[in-house]
């Protein structure tokens, strides 16, 4: 599991590192990535992808 702890609101936030961490199963990064998809931060706004990440967290 890759831990990425920068918040999506921080200037140091890196969407690629966050995605890698989220895909490795790190739940806080999944949340951050979901927020990015919801708000269109660093990625195109995609509510479907946001919901997919939410459902993954619920299943844990």
N, C-alpha and C. Protein backbone atom coordinates (compact mmCIF):
# COMPACT_ATOMS: atom_id res chain seq x y z
N UNK A 1 0.85 -1.17 0.00
CA UNK A 1 0.00 0.00 0.00
C UNK A 1 0.90 1.24 0.00
N UNK A 2 0.58 2.17 -0.87
CA UNK A 2 1.32 3.41 -0.98
C UNK A 2 0.54 4.51 -0.28
N UNK A 3 1.15 5.13 0.71
CA UNK A 3 0.47 6.19 1.45
C UNK A 3 0.81 7.55 0.85
N UNK A 4 -0.21 8.27 0.45
CA UNK A 4 -0.05 9.63 -0.04
C UNK A 4 -0.97 10.49 0.79
N UNK A 5 -0.40 11.43 1.54
CA UNK A 5 -1.18 12.14 2.55
C UNK A 5 -1.42 13.62 2.25
N UNK A 6 -0.88 14.15 1.15
CA UNK A 6 -1.15 15.56 0.83
C UNK A 6 -2.63 15.73 0.51
N UNK A 7 -3.21 16.79 0.97
CA UNK A 7 -4.62 17.08 0.73
C UNK A 7 -4.79 17.71 -0.66
N UNK A 8 -5.94 17.46 -1.27
CA UNK A 8 -6.19 18.01 -2.61
C UNK A 8 -6.25 19.54 -2.60
N UNK A 9 -6.37 20.14 -1.44
CA UNK A 9 -6.39 21.59 -1.32
C UNK A 9 -5.00 22.19 -1.12
N UNK A 10 -3.98 21.34 -0.91
CA UNK A 10 -2.61 21.82 -0.71
C UNK A 10 -1.94 22.16 -2.04
N UNK A 11 -1.04 23.13 -2.03
CA UNK A 11 -0.29 23.48 -3.23
C UNK A 11 0.62 22.35 -3.68
N UNK A 12 1.03 21.49 -2.77
CA UNK A 12 1.95 20.39 -3.09
C UNK A 12 1.23 19.15 -3.61
N UNK A 13 -0.09 19.20 -3.75
CA UNK A 13 -0.86 18.03 -4.17
C UNK A 13 -0.45 17.56 -5.56
N UNK A 14 -0.28 16.25 -5.72
CA UNK A 14 0.09 15.63 -7.00
C UNK A 14 -0.96 14.57 -7.34
N UNK A 15 -1.78 14.85 -8.35
CA UNK A 15 -2.89 13.96 -8.70
C UNK A 15 -2.39 12.56 -9.09
N UNK A 16 -1.26 12.47 -9.78
CA UNK A 16 -0.74 11.17 -10.20
C UNK A 16 -0.34 10.31 -9.00
N UNK A 17 0.31 10.93 -8.02
CA UNK A 17 0.70 10.20 -6.81
C UNK A 17 -0.53 9.80 -6.00
N UNK A 18 -1.51 10.69 -5.95
CA UNK A 18 -2.74 10.38 -5.24
C UNK A 18 -3.45 9.20 -5.89
N UNK A 19 -3.54 9.20 -7.22
CA UNK A 19 -4.19 8.10 -7.95
C UNK A 19 -3.45 6.78 -7.70
N UNK A 20 -2.13 6.81 -7.74
CA UNK A 20 -1.33 5.60 -7.49
C UNK A 20 -1.60 5.07 -6.08
N UNK A 21 -1.65 5.96 -5.12
CA UNK A 21 -1.92 5.57 -3.74
C UNK A 21 -3.34 5.01 -3.60
N UNK A 22 -4.31 5.67 -4.23
CA UNK A 22 -5.70 5.20 -4.17
C UNK A 22 -5.83 3.82 -4.79
N UNK A 23 -5.17 3.61 -5.93
CA UNK A 23 -5.24 2.31 -6.59
C UNK A 23 -4.56 1.21 -5.79
N UNK A 24 -3.63 1.59 -4.92
CA UNK A 24 -2.96 0.59 -4.08
C UNK A 24 -3.82 0.20 -2.88
N UNK A 25 -4.96 0.90 -2.70
CA UNK A 25 -5.87 0.55 -1.62
C UNK A 25 -5.85 1.47 -0.42
N UNK A 26 -5.11 2.56 -0.49
CA UNK A 26 -5.04 3.50 0.64
C UNK A 26 -6.31 4.35 0.66
N UNK A 27 -7.16 4.10 1.65
CA UNK A 27 -8.49 4.69 1.71
C UNK A 27 -8.47 6.23 1.75
N UNK A 28 -7.62 6.88 2.55
CA UNK A 28 -7.62 8.35 2.52
C UNK A 28 -7.32 8.92 1.13
N UNK A 29 -6.46 8.26 0.38
CA UNK A 29 -6.17 8.72 -0.98
C UNK A 29 -7.37 8.48 -1.90
N UNK A 30 -8.11 7.42 -1.67
CA UNK A 30 -9.32 7.17 -2.46
C UNK A 30 -10.32 8.30 -2.22
N UNK A 31 -10.43 8.74 -0.98
CA UNK A 31 -11.32 9.86 -0.67
C UNK A 31 -10.86 11.12 -1.38
N UNK A 32 -9.55 11.43 -1.27
CA UNK A 32 -9.01 12.62 -1.91
C UNK A 32 -9.24 12.59 -3.42
N UNK A 33 -9.00 11.44 -4.03
CA UNK A 33 -9.19 11.30 -5.47
C UNK A 33 -10.66 11.48 -5.85
N UNK A 34 -11.54 10.93 -5.03
CA UNK A 34 -12.97 11.11 -5.25
C UNK A 34 -13.37 12.57 -5.20
N UNK A 35 -12.80 13.31 -4.26
CA UNK A 35 -13.06 14.74 -4.17
C UNK A 35 -12.57 15.46 -5.42
N UNK A 36 -11.43 15.04 -5.93
CA UNK A 36 -10.89 15.65 -7.15
C UNK A 36 -11.83 15.43 -8.32
N UNK A 37 -12.35 14.22 -8.46
CA UNK A 37 -13.30 13.94 -9.54
C UNK A 37 -14.60 14.72 -9.35
N UNK A 38 -15.03 14.85 -8.11
CA UNK A 38 -16.27 15.58 -7.85
C UNK A 38 -16.13 17.07 -8.18
N UNK A 39 -14.97 17.64 -7.86
CA UNK A 39 -14.78 19.07 -8.02
C UNK A 39 -13.99 19.45 -9.27
N UNK A 40 -13.46 18.46 -9.99
CA UNK A 40 -12.68 18.76 -11.19
C UNK A 40 -11.32 19.35 -10.90
N UNK A 41 -10.66 18.86 -9.86
CA UNK A 41 -9.34 19.36 -9.46
C UNK A 41 -8.27 18.42 -10.00
N UNK A 42 -7.53 18.87 -10.99
CA UNK A 42 -6.46 18.06 -11.58
C UNK A 42 -6.94 17.01 -12.56
N UNK A 43 -8.24 16.82 -12.65
CA UNK A 43 -8.85 15.86 -13.58
C UNK A 43 -10.15 16.48 -14.10
N UNK A 44 -10.66 15.91 -15.17
CA UNK A 44 -11.96 16.36 -15.65
C UNK A 44 -13.03 15.95 -14.64
N UNK A 45 -13.96 16.83 -14.36
CA UNK A 45 -15.04 16.51 -13.41
C UNK A 45 -15.80 15.29 -13.91
N UNK A 46 -15.94 14.29 -13.03
CA UNK A 46 -16.57 13.03 -13.41
C UNK A 46 -17.27 12.45 -12.19
N UNK A 47 -18.55 12.69 -12.08
CA UNK A 47 -19.30 12.22 -10.92
C UNK A 47 -19.44 10.70 -10.91
N UNK A 48 -19.42 10.07 -12.08
CA UNK A 48 -19.48 8.61 -12.14
C UNK A 48 -18.25 7.98 -11.51
N UNK A 49 -17.08 8.53 -11.81
CA UNK A 49 -15.84 8.03 -11.21
C UNK A 49 -15.84 8.31 -9.72
N UNK A 50 -16.37 9.45 -9.34
CA UNK A 50 -16.49 9.78 -7.93
C UNK A 50 -17.33 8.75 -7.20
N UNK A 51 -18.46 8.40 -7.77
CA UNK A 51 -19.34 7.41 -7.14
C UNK A 51 -18.68 6.03 -7.09
N UNK A 52 -17.93 5.69 -8.11
CA UNK A 52 -17.22 4.42 -8.12
C UNK A 52 -16.25 4.33 -6.95
N UNK A 53 -15.52 5.42 -6.69
CA UNK A 53 -14.58 5.44 -5.57
C UNK A 53 -15.32 5.38 -4.24
N UNK A 54 -16.46 6.04 -4.14
CA UNK A 54 -17.26 5.99 -2.91
C UNK A 54 -17.71 4.56 -2.65
N UNK A 55 -18.18 3.88 -3.67
CA UNK A 55 -18.65 2.51 -3.50
C UNK A 55 -17.51 1.57 -3.09
N UNK A 56 -16.32 1.79 -3.61
CA UNK A 56 -15.17 0.98 -3.20
C UNK A 56 -14.91 1.15 -1.71
N UNK A 57 -14.99 2.40 -1.22
CA UNK A 57 -14.74 2.66 0.20
C UNK A 57 -15.81 2.01 1.06
N UNK A 58 -17.06 2.01 0.61
CA UNK A 58 -18.15 1.41 1.37
C UNK A 58 -17.95 -0.09 1.53
N UNK A 59 -17.42 -0.72 0.49
CA UNK A 59 -17.25 -2.18 0.51
C UNK A 59 -16.12 -2.63 1.43
N UNK A 60 -15.26 -1.69 1.87
CA UNK A 60 -14.12 -2.09 2.71
C UNK A 60 -14.54 -2.49 4.09
